């Protein structure tokens, strides 16, 4: 049974978004030395990772059939998972650390 490329692309984007959410929450909370408490830099970092993962998926699985396909398979799952992880970790960081 062959898995569709859409499922693979979405899975890669979601895993990358979870990792990005963790890193950006550390950046927002000032837990990375040398960066300080910087939400703007964390947001820019997330967008850069989104672009890099999109290019990686294009090279691994071939070009998508248009922008709407990339929007639904890559951008929206990434942004949703990234924002959820980022928000949860920022709000519950005082409890965890």
PDB file of N, CA and C in Angstrom:
ATOM      1  N   UNK A   1       0.844  -1.175   0.000  1.00  0.00           N
ATOM      2  CA  UNK A   1       0.000   0.000   0.000  1.00  0.00           C
ATOM      3  C   UNK A   1       0.890   1.239   0.000  1.00  0.00           C
ATOM      4  N   UNK A   2       0.760   2.055  -1.011  1.00  0.00           N
ATOM      5  CA  UNK A   2       1.559   3.270  -1.162  1.00  0.00           C
ATOM      6  C   UNK A   2       0.844   4.452  -0.513  1.00  0.00           C
ATOM      7  N   UNK A   3       1.593   5.190   0.282  1.00  0.00           N
ATOM      8  CA  UNK A   3       1.038   6.374   0.935  1.00  0.00           C
ATOM      9  C   UNK A   3       1.113   7.538  -0.044  1.00  0.00           C
ATOM     10  N   UNK A   4       0.034   8.294  -0.109  1.00  0.00           N
ATOM     11  CA  UNK A   4      -0.055   9.433  -1.002  1.00  0.00           C
ATOM     12  C   UNK A   4       0.967  10.501  -0.607  1.00  0.00           C
ATOM     13  N   UNK A   5       1.471  11.240  -1.583  1.00  0.00           N
ATOM     14  CA  UNK A   5       2.435  12.300  -1.303  1.00  0.00           C
ATOM     15  C   UNK A   5       1.853  13.395  -0.415  1.00  0.00           C
ATOM     16  N   UNK A   6       0.560  13.640  -0.508  1.00  0.00           N
ATOM     17  CA  UNK A   6      -0.070  14.658   0.333  1.00  0.00           C
ATOM     18  C   UNK A   6       0.057  14.310   1.812  1.00  0.00           C
ATOM     19  N   UNK A   7      -0.110  13.039   2.133  1.00  0.00           N
ATOM     20  CA  UNK A   7       0.016  12.588   3.519  1.00  0.00           C
ATOM     21  C   UNK A   7       1.454  12.734   3.989  1.00  0.00           C
ATOM     22  N   UNK A   8       2.406  12.388   3.142  1.00  0.00           N
ATOM     23  CA  UNK A   8       3.819  12.511   3.501  1.00  0.00           C
ATOM     24  C   UNK A   8       4.198  13.970   3.733  1.00  0.00           C
ATOM     25  N   UNK A   9       3.767  14.846   2.840  1.00  0.00           N
ATOM     26  CA  UNK A   9       4.100  16.270   2.956  1.00  0.00           C
ATOM     27  C   UNK A   9       3.483  16.861   4.216  1.00  0.00           C
ATOM     28  N   UNK A  10       2.234  16.531   4.491  1.00  0.00           N
ATOM     29  CA  UNK A  10       1.579  17.034   5.693  1.00  0.00           C
ATOM     30  C   UNK A  10       2.265  16.511   6.947  1.00  0.00           C
ATOM     31  N   UNK A  11       2.661  15.251   6.943  1.00  0.00           N
ATOM     32  CA  UNK A  11       3.343  14.675   8.106  1.00  0.00           C
ATOM     33  C   UNK A  11       4.680  15.348   8.374  1.00  0.00           C
ATOM     34  N   UNK A  12       5.436  15.601   7.330  1.00  0.00           N
ATOM     35  CA  UNK A  12       6.725  16.274   7.491  1.00  0.00           C
ATOM     36  C   UNK A  12       6.523  17.678   8.045  1.00  0.00           C
ATOM     37  N   UNK A  13       5.527  18.389   7.530  1.00  0.00           N
ATOM     38  CA  UNK A  13       5.256  19.742   8.006  1.00  0.00           C
ATOM     39  C   UNK A  13       4.814  19.756   9.469  1.00  0.00           C
ATOM     40  N   UNK A  14       4.006  18.793   9.872  1.00  0.00           N
ATOM     41  CA  UNK A  14       3.531  18.774  11.266  1.00  0.00           C
ATOM     42  C   UNK A  14       4.671  18.444  12.231  1.00  0.00           C
ATOM     43  N   UNK A  15       5.519  17.485  11.884  1.00  0.00           N
ATOM     44  CA  UNK A  15       6.655  17.165  12.752  1.00  0.00           C
ATOM     45  C   UNK A  15       7.591  18.369  12.863  1.00  0.00           C
ATOM     46  N   UNK A  16       7.855  19.025  11.736  1.00  0.00           N
ATOM     47  CA  UNK A  16       8.706  20.223  11.765  1.00  0.00           C
ATOM     48  C   UNK A  16       8.059  21.335  12.574  1.00  0.00           C
ATOM     49  N   UNK A  17       6.740  21.458  12.516  1.00  0.00           N
ATOM     50  CA  UNK A  17       6.036  22.496  13.273  1.00  0.00           C
ATOM     51  C   UNK A  17       6.118  22.248  14.772  1.00  0.00           C
ATOM     52  N   UNK A  18       6.045  21.003  15.187  1.00  0.00           N
ATOM     53  CA  UNK A  18       6.150  20.698  16.621  1.00  0.00           C
ATOM     54  C   UNK A  18       7.541  21.049  17.136  1.00  0.00           C
ATOM     55  N   UNK A  19       8.562  20.701  16.377  1.00  0.00           N
ATOM     56  CA  UNK A  19       9.933  21.043  16.773  1.00  0.00           C
ATOM     57  C   UNK A  19      10.132  22.560  16.755  1.00  0.00           C
ATOM     58  N   UNK A  20       9.604  23.229  15.736  1.00  0.00           N
ATOM     59  CA  UNK A  20       9.703  24.688  15.641  1.00  0.00           C
ATOM     60  C   UNK A  20       8.955  25.355  16.778  1.00  0.00           C
ATOM     61  N   UNK A  21       7.808  24.826  17.151  1.00  0.00           N
ATOM     62  CA  UNK A  21       7.055  25.386  18.275  1.00  0.00           C
ATOM     63  C   UNK A  21       7.831  25.317  19.567  1.00  0.00           C
ATOM     64  N   UNK A  22       8.559  24.232  19.776  1.00  0.00           N
ATOM     65  CA  UNK A  22       9.379  24.098  20.972  1.00  0.00           C
ATOM     66  C   UNK A  22      10.528  25.110  20.962  1.00  0.00           C
ATOM     67  N   UNK A  23      11.209  25.222  19.834  1.00  0.00           N
ATOM     68  CA  UNK A  23      12.337  26.146  19.739  1.00  0.00           C
ATOM     69  C   UNK A  23      11.871  27.596  19.871  1.00  0.00           C
ATOM     70  N   UNK A  24      10.765  27.951  19.211  1.00  0.00           N
ATOM     71  CA  UNK A  24      10.290  29.333  19.300  1.00  0.00           C
ATOM     72  C   UNK A  24       9.760  29.663  20.687  1.00  0.00           C
ATOM     73  N   UNK A  25       9.233  28.683  21.394  1.00  0.00           N
ATOM     74  CA  UNK A  25       8.817  28.962  22.771  1.00  0.00           C
ATOM     75  C   UNK A  25      10.030  29.228  23.656  1.00  0.00           C
ATOM     76  N   UNK A  26      11.117  28.506  23.421  1.00  0.00           N
ATOM     77  CA  UNK A  26      12.345  28.791  24.162  1.00  0.00           C
ATOM     78  C   UNK A  26      12.863  30.187  23.838  1.00  0.00           C
ATOM     79  N   UNK A  27      12.753  30.583  22.575  1.00  0.00           N
ATOM     80  CA  UNK A  27      13.182  31.930  22.179  1.00  0.00           C
ATOM     81  C   UNK A  27      12.289  32.995  22.815  1.00  0.00           C
ATOM     82  N   UNK A  28      10.998  32.754  22.857  1.00  0.00           N
ATOM     83  CA  UNK A  28      10.058  33.730  23.411  1.00  0.00           C
ATOM     84  C   UNK A  28      10.204  33.876  24.916  1.00  0.00           C
ATOM     85  N   UNK A  29      10.593  32.818  25.580  1.00  0.00           N
ATOM     86  CA  UNK A  29      10.737  32.850  27.029  1.00  0.00           C
ATOM     87  C   UNK A  29      12.118  33.304  27.479  1.00  0.00           C
ATOM     88  N   UNK A  30      13.026  33.520  26.533  1.00  0.00           N
ATOM     89  CA  UNK A  30      14.367  33.965  26.870  1.00  0.00           C
ATOM     90  C   UNK A  30      15.241  32.865  27.422  1.00  0.00           C
ATOM     91  N   UNK A  31      14.986  31.629  27.036  1.00  0.00           N
ATOM     92  CA  UNK A  31      15.746  30.500  27.568  1.00  0.00           C
ATOM     93  C   UNK A  31      16.931  30.113  26.690  1.00  0.00           C
ATOM     94  N   UNK A  32      17.112  30.784  25.569  1.00  0.00           N
ATOM     95  CA  UNK A  32      18.275  30.532  24.721  1.00  0.00           C
ATOM     96  C   UNK A  32      19.279  31.654  24.942  1.00  0.00           C
ATOM     97  N   UNK A  33      20.484  31.334  25.359  1.00  0.00           N
ATOM     98  CA  UNK A  33      21.465  32.379  25.645  1.00  0.00           C
ATOM     99  C   UNK A  33      21.818  33.185  24.397  1.00  0.00           C
ATOM    100  N   UNK A  34      21.963  34.472  24.567  1.00  0.00           N
ATOM    101  CA  UNK A  34      22.345  35.348  23.479  1.00  0.00           C
ATOM    102  C   UNK A  34      21.179  35.912  22.688  1.00  0.00           C
ATOM    103  N   UNK A  35      19.997  35.335  22.815  1.00  0.00           N
ATOM    104  CA  UNK A  35      18.835  35.824  22.074  1.00  0.00           C
ATOM    105  C   UNK A  35      17.944  36.660  22.967  1.00  0.00           C
ATOM    106  N   UNK A  36      17.791  36.258  24.197  1.00  0.00           N
ATOM    107  CA  UNK A  36      16.930  36.996  25.116  1.00  0.00           C
ATOM    108  C   UNK A  36      15.469  36.692  24.860  1.00  0.00           C
ATOM    109  N   UNK A  37      14.603  37.506  25.415  1.00  0.00           N
ATOM    110  CA  UNK A  37      13.161  37.355  25.274  1.00  0.00           C
ATOM    111  C   UNK A  37      12.726  38.060  23.994  1.00  0.00           C
ATOM    112  N   UNK A  38      12.558  37.320  22.904  1.00  0.00           N
ATOM    113  CA  UNK A  38      12.337  37.939  21.606  1.00  0.00           C
ATOM    114  C   UNK A  38      11.288  37.175  20.814  1.00  0.00           C
ATOM    115  N   UNK A  39      10.046  37.647  20.881  1.00  0.00           N
ATOM    116  CA  UNK A  39       8.953  36.995  20.155  1.00  0.00           C
ATOM    117  C   UNK A  39       9.024  37.254  18.656  1.00  0.00           C
ATOM    118  N   UNK A  40       9.492  38.441  18.281  1.00  0.00           N
ATOM    119  CA  UNK A  40       9.576  38.771  16.859  1.00  0.00           C
ATOM    120  C   UNK A  40      10.577  37.859  16.145  1.00  0.00           C
ATOM    121  N   UNK A  41      11.724  37.669  16.744  1.00  0.00           N
ATOM    122  CA  UNK A  41      12.725  36.783  16.160  1.00  0.00           C
ATOM    123  C   UNK A  41      12.204  35.343  16.097  1.00  0.00           C
ATOM    124  N   UNK A  42      11.441  34.937  17.093  1.00  0.00           N
ATOM    125  CA  UNK A  42      10.857  33.595  17.093  1.00  0.00           C
ATOM    126  C   UNK A  42       9.866  33.436  15.939  1.00  0.00           C
ATOM    127  N   UNK A  43       9.054  34.452  15.690  1.00  0.00           N
ATOM    128  CA  UNK A  43       8.110  34.395  14.577  1.00  0.00           C
ATOM    129  C   UNK A  43       8.799  34.337  13.231  1.00  0.00           C
ATOM    130  N   UNK A  44       9.844  35.139  13.069  1.00  0.00           N
ATOM    131  CA  UNK A  44      10.605  35.128  11.815  1.00  0.00           C
ATOM    132  C   UNK A  44      11.285  33.768  11.629  1.00  0.00           C
ATOM    133  N   UNK A  45      11.816  33.218  12.705  1.00  0.00           N
ATOM    134  CA  UNK A  45      12.438  31.899  12.653  1.00  0.00           C
ATOM    135  C   UNK A  45      11.428  30.839  12.191  1.00  0.00           C
ATOM    136  N   UNK A  46      10.205  30.909  12.697  1.00  0.00           N
ATOM    137  CA  UNK A  46       9.178  29.952  12.293  1.00  0.00           C
ATOM    138  C   UNK A  46       8.823  30.045  10.829  1.00  0.00           C
ATOM    139  N   UNK A  47       8.742  31.267  10.306  1.00  0.00           N
ATOM    140  CA  UNK A  47       8.428  31.453   8.889  1.00  0.00           C
ATOM    141  C   UNK A  47       9.578  30.945   8.020  1.00  0.00           C
ATOM    142  N   UNK A  48      10.810  31.165   8.449  1.00  0.00           N
ATOM    143  CA  UNK A  48      11.967  30.664   7.703  1.00  0.00           C
ATOM    144  C   UNK A  48      11.968  29.135   7.678  1.00  0.00           C
ATOM    145  N   UNK A  49      11.660  28.518   8.798  1.00  0.00           N
ATOM    146  CA  UNK A  49      11.592  27.053   8.842  1.00  0.00           C
ATOM    147  C   UNK A  49      10.468  26.542   7.941  1.00  0.00           C
ATOM    148  N   UNK A  50       9.330  27.226   7.939  1.00  0.00           N
ATOM    149  CA  UNK A  50       8.227  26.836   7.050  1.00  0.00           C
ATOM    150  C   UNK A  50       8.676  26.849   5.597  1.00  0.00           C
ATOM    151  N   UNK A  51       9.365  27.902   5.191  1.00  0.00           N
ATOM    152  CA  UNK A  51       9.845  27.998   3.810  1.00  0.00           C
ATOM    153  C   UNK A  51      10.854  26.886   3.506  1.00  0.00           C
ATOM    154  N   UNK A  52      11.770  26.646   4.438  1.00  0.00           N
ATOM    155  CA  UNK A  52      12.793  25.613   4.224  1.00  0.00           C
ATOM    156  C   UNK A  52      12.170  24.216   4.122  1.00  0.00           C
ATOM    157  N   UNK A  53      11.196  23.944   4.973  1.00  0.00           N
ATOM    158  CA  UNK A  53      10.528  22.638   4.922  1.00  0.00           C
ATOM    159  C   UNK A  53       9.733  22.494   3.628  1.00  0.00           C
ATOM    160  N   UNK A  54       9.123  23.569   3.165  1.00  0.00           N
ATOM    161  CA  UNK A  54       8.408  23.533   1.891  1.00  0.00           C
ATOM    162  C   UNK A  54       9.328  23.214   0.735  1.00  0.00           C
ATOM    163  N   UNK A  55      10.508  23.827   0.729  1.00  0.00           N
ATOM    164  CA  UNK A  55      11.481  23.545  -0.329  1.00  0.00           C
ATOM    165  C   UNK A  55      12.006  22.107  -0.224  1.00  0.00           C
ATOM    166  N   UNK A  56      12.210  21.641   1.009  1.00  0.00           N
ATOM    167  CA  UNK A  56      12.663  20.268   1.212  1.00  0.00           C
ATOM    168  C   UNK A  56      11.633  19.270   0.675  1.00  0.00           C
ATOM    169  N   UNK A  57      10.371  19.514   0.982  1.00  0.00           N
ATOM    170  CA  UNK A  57       9.311  18.613   0.497  1.00  0.00           C
ATOM    171  C   UNK A  57       9.194  18.673  -1.025  1.00  0.00           C
ATOM    172  N   UNK A  58       9.412  19.859  -1.619  1.00  0.00           N
ATOM    173  CA  UNK A  58       9.399  19.949  -3.073  1.00  0.00           C
ATOM    174  C   UNK A  58      10.501  19.096  -3.688  1.00  0.00           C
ATOM    175  N   UNK A  59      11.669  19.092  -3.064  1.00  0.00           N
ATOM    176  CA  UNK A  59      12.762  18.300  -3.631  1.00  0.00           C
ATOM    177  C   UNK A  59      12.588  16.800  -3.357  1.00  0.00           C
ATOM    178  N   UNK A  60      11.969  16.449  -2.224  1.00  0.00           N
ATOM    179  CA  UNK A  60      11.783  15.034  -1.899  1.00  0.00           C
ATOM    180  C   UNK A  60      10.617  14.395  -2.647  1.00  0.00           C
ATOM    181  N   UNK A  61       9.493  15.112  -2.718  1.00  0.00           N
ATOM    182  CA  UNK A  61       8.266  14.518  -3.234  1.00  0.00           C
ATOM    183  C   UNK A  61       7.799  15.114  -4.552  1.00  0.00           C
ATOM    184  N   UNK A  62       8.548  16.032  -5.113  1.00  0.00           N
ATOM    185  CA  UNK A  62       8.151  16.665  -6.373  1.00  0.00           C
ATOM    186  C   UNK A  62       7.320  17.904  -6.127  1.00  0.00           C
ATOM    187  N   UNK A  63       7.231  18.716  -7.156  1.00  0.00           N
ATOM    188  CA  UNK A  63       6.477  19.966  -7.057  1.00  0.00           C
ATOM    189  C   UNK A  63       4.988  19.687  -6.887  1.00  0.00           C
ATOM    190  N   UNK A  64       4.316  20.553  -6.125  1.00  0.00           N
ATOM    191  CA  UNK A  64       2.869  20.457  -5.956  1.00  0.00           C
ATOM    192  C   UNK A  64       2.182  21.025  -7.198  1.00  0.00           C
ATOM    193  N   UNK A  65       0.906  20.718  -7.357  1.00  0.00           N
ATOM    194  CA  UNK A  65       0.161  21.122  -8.546  1.00  0.00           C
ATOM    195  C   UNK A  65      -0.299  22.573  -8.511  1.00  0.00           C
ATOM    196  N   UNK A  66       0.054  23.316  -7.532  1.00  0.00           N
ATOM    197  CA  UNK A  66      -0.362  24.711  -7.443  1.00  0.00           C
ATOM    198  C   UNK A  66      -0.262  25.205  -6.015  1.00  0.00           C
ATOM    199  N   UNK A  67      -0.534  26.489  -5.863  1.00  0.00           N
ATOM    200  CA  UNK A  67      -0.408  27.090  -4.542  1.00  0.00           C
ATOM    201  C   UNK A  67      -1.445  26.549  -3.572  1.00  0.00           C
ATOM    202  N   UNK A  68      -2.660  26.290  -4.014  1.00  0.00           N
ATOM    203  CA  UNK A  68      -3.701  25.808  -3.094  1.00  0.00           C
ATOM    204  C   UNK A  68      -3.353  24.432  -2.536  1.00  0.00           C
ATOM    205  N   UNK A  69      -2.722  23.598  -3.335  1.00  0.00           N
ATOM    206  CA  UNK A  69      -2.299  22.282  -2.854  1.00  0.00           C
ATOM    207  C   UNK A  69      -1.232  22.435  -1.776  1.00  0.00           C
ATOM    208  N   UNK A  70      -0.274  23.342  -1.993  1.00  0.00           N
ATOM    209  CA  UNK A  70       0.773  23.573  -1.003  1.00  0.00           C
ATOM    210  C   UNK A  70       0.199  24.252   0.239  1.00  0.00           C
ATOM    211  N   UNK A  71      -0.797  25.102   0.036  1.00  0.00           N
ATOM    212  CA  UNK A  71      -1.448  25.764   1.171  1.00  0.00           C
ATOM    213  C   UNK A  71      -2.109  24.751   2.095  1.00  0.00           C
ATOM    214  N   UNK A  72      -2.885  23.821   1.545  1.00  0.00           N
ATOM    215  CA  UNK A  72      -3.630  22.858   2.371  1.00  0.00           C
ATOM    216  C   UNK A  72      -2.768  21.714   2.871  1.00  0.00           C
ATOM    217  N   UNK A  73      -1.710  21.347   2.139  1.00  0.00           N
ATOM    218  CA  UNK A  73      -0.863  20.229   2.567  1.00  0.00           C
ATOM    219  C   UNK A  73       0.312  20.663   3.423  1.00  0.00           C
ATOM    220  N   UNK A  74       0.729  21.920   3.318  1.00  0.00           N
ATOM    221  CA  UNK A  74       1.923  22.342   4.012  1.00  0.00           C
ATOM    222  C   UNK A  74       1.752  23.532   4.936  1.00  0.00           C
ATOM    223  N   UNK A  75       1.280  24.637   4.392  1.00  0.00           N
ATOM    224  CA  UNK A  75       1.258  25.887   5.156  1.00  0.00           C
ATOM    225  C   UNK A  75       0.291  25.822   6.329  1.00  0.00           C
ATOM    226  N   UNK A  76      -0.944  25.476   6.077  1.00  0.00           N
ATOM    227  CA  UNK A  76      -1.940  25.476   7.160  1.00  0.00           C
ATOM    228  C   UNK A  76      -1.664  24.438   8.250  1.00  0.00           C
ATOM    229  N   UNK A  77      -1.299  23.192   7.914  1.00  0.00           N
ATOM    230  CA  UNK A  77      -0.957  22.257   9.001  1.00  0.00           C
ATOM    231  C   UNK A  77       0.247  22.729   9.817  1.00  0.00           C
ATOM    232  N   UNK A  78       1.254  23.294   9.137  1.00  0.00           N
ATOM    233  CA  UNK A  78       2.432  23.784   9.845  1.00  0.00           C
ATOM    234  C   UNK A  78       2.058  24.923  10.791  1.00  0.00           C
ATOM    235  N   UNK A  79       1.345  25.913  10.276  1.00  0.00           N
ATOM    236  CA  UNK A  79       1.002  27.079  11.103  1.00  0.00           C
ATOM    237  C   UNK A  79       0.111  26.678  12.266  1.00  0.00           C
ATOM    238  N   UNK A  80      -0.859  25.809  12.032  1.00  0.00           N
ATOM    239  CA  UNK A  80      -1.741  25.391  13.120  1.00  0.00           C
ATOM    240  C   UNK A  80      -0.958  24.663  14.212  1.00  0.00           C
ATOM    241  N   UNK A  81      -0.154  23.666  13.827  1.00  0.00           N
ATOM    242  CA  UNK A  81       0.600  22.898  14.828  1.00  0.00           C
ATOM    243  C   UNK A  81       1.640  23.773  15.520  1.00  0.00           C
ATOM    244  N   UNK A  82       2.295  24.640  14.764  1.00  0.00           N
ATOM    245  CA  UNK A  82       3.312  25.525  15.337  1.00  0.00           C
ATOM    246  C   UNK A  82       2.704  26.453  16.373  1.00  0.00           C
ATOM    247  N   UNK A  83       1.598  27.119  16.021  1.00  0.00           N
ATOM    248  CA  UNK A  83       0.967  28.053  16.959  1.00  0.00           C
ATOM    249  C   UNK A  83       0.414  27.347  18.192  1.00  0.00           C
ATOM    250  N   UNK A  84      -0.149  26.167  18.024  1.00  0.00           N
ATOM    251  CA  UNK A  84      -0.685  25.428  19.177  1.00  0.00           C
ATOM    252  C   UNK A  84       0.441  25.049  20.134  1.00  0.00           C
ATOM    253  N   UNK A  85       1.527  24.480  19.618  1.00  0.00           N
ATOM    254  CA  UNK A  85       2.641  24.083  20.479  1.00  0.00           C
ATOM    255  C   UNK A  85       3.286  25.300  21.115  1.00  0.00           C
ATOM    256  N   UNK A  86       3.500  26.349  20.335  1.00  0.00           N
ATOM    257  CA  UNK A  86       4.116  27.574  20.835  1.00  0.00           C
ATOM    258  C   UNK A  86       3.277  28.175  21.965  1.00  0.00           C
ATOM    259  N   UNK A  87       1.975  28.282  21.756  1.00  0.00           N
ATOM    260  CA  UNK A  87       1.081  28.867  22.760  1.00  0.00           C
ATOM    261  C   UNK A  87       1.015  28.026  24.028  1.00  0.00           C
ATOM    262  N   UNK A  88       0.882  26.723  23.872  1.00  0.00           N
ATOM    263  CA  UNK A  88       0.802  25.857  25.049  1.00  0.00           C
ATOM    264  C   UNK A  88       2.085  25.904  25.871  1.00  0.00           C
ATOM    265  N   UNK A  89       3.224  25.862  25.201  1.00  0.00           N
ATOM    266  CA  UNK A  89       4.486  25.875  25.936  1.00  0.00           C
ATOM    267  C   UNK A  89       4.749  27.221  26.608  1.00  0.00           C
ATOM    268  N   UNK A  90       4.363  28.316  25.976  1.00  0.00           N
ATOM    269  CA  UNK A  90       4.546  29.629  26.611  1.00  0.00           C
ATOM    270  C   UNK A  90       3.643  29.758  27.836  1.00  0.00           C
ATOM    271  N   UNK A  91       2.413  29.293  27.726  1.00  0.00           N
ATOM    272  CA  UNK A  91       1.470  29.443  28.843  1.00  0.00           C
ATOM    273  C   UNK A  91       1.743  28.489  29.990  1.00  0.00           C
ATOM    274  N   UNK A  92       2.269  27.321  29.689  1.00  0.00           N
ATOM    275  CA  UNK A  92       2.510  26.342  30.763  1.00  0.00           C
ATOM    276  C   UNK A  92       3.976  26.245  31.156  1.00  0.00           C
ATOM    277  N   UNK A  93       4.831  27.128  30.662  1.00  0.00           N
ATOM    278  CA  UNK A  93       6.248  27.099  31.031  1.00  0.00           C
ATOM    279  C   UNK A  93       6.482  27.331  32.515  1.00  0.00           C
ATOM    280  N   UNK A  94       5.748  28.244  33.180  1.00  0.00           N
ATOM    281  CA  UNK A  94       5.992  28.387  34.626  1.00  0.00           C
ATOM    282  C   UNK A  94       5.681  27.120  35.412  1.00  0.00           C
ATOM    283  N   UNK A  95       4.798  26.305  34.911  1.00  0.00           N
ATOM    284  CA  UNK A  95       4.455  25.059  35.601  1.00  0.00           C
ATOM    285  C   UNK A  95       5.521  24.001  35.341  1.00  0.00           C
ATOM    286  N   UNK A  96       6.060  23.977  34.119  1.00  0.00           N
ATOM    287  CA  UNK A  96       7.005  22.941  33.739  1.00  0.00           C
ATOM    288  C   UNK A  96       8.431  23.221  34.211  1.00  0.00           C
ATOM    289  N   UNK A  97       8.845  24.479  34.187  1.00  0.00           N
ATOM    290  CA  UNK A  97      10.251  24.792  34.493  1.00  0.00           C
ATOM    291  C   UNK A  97      10.390  25.430  35.835  1.00  0.00           C
TER     292      UNK A  97
END
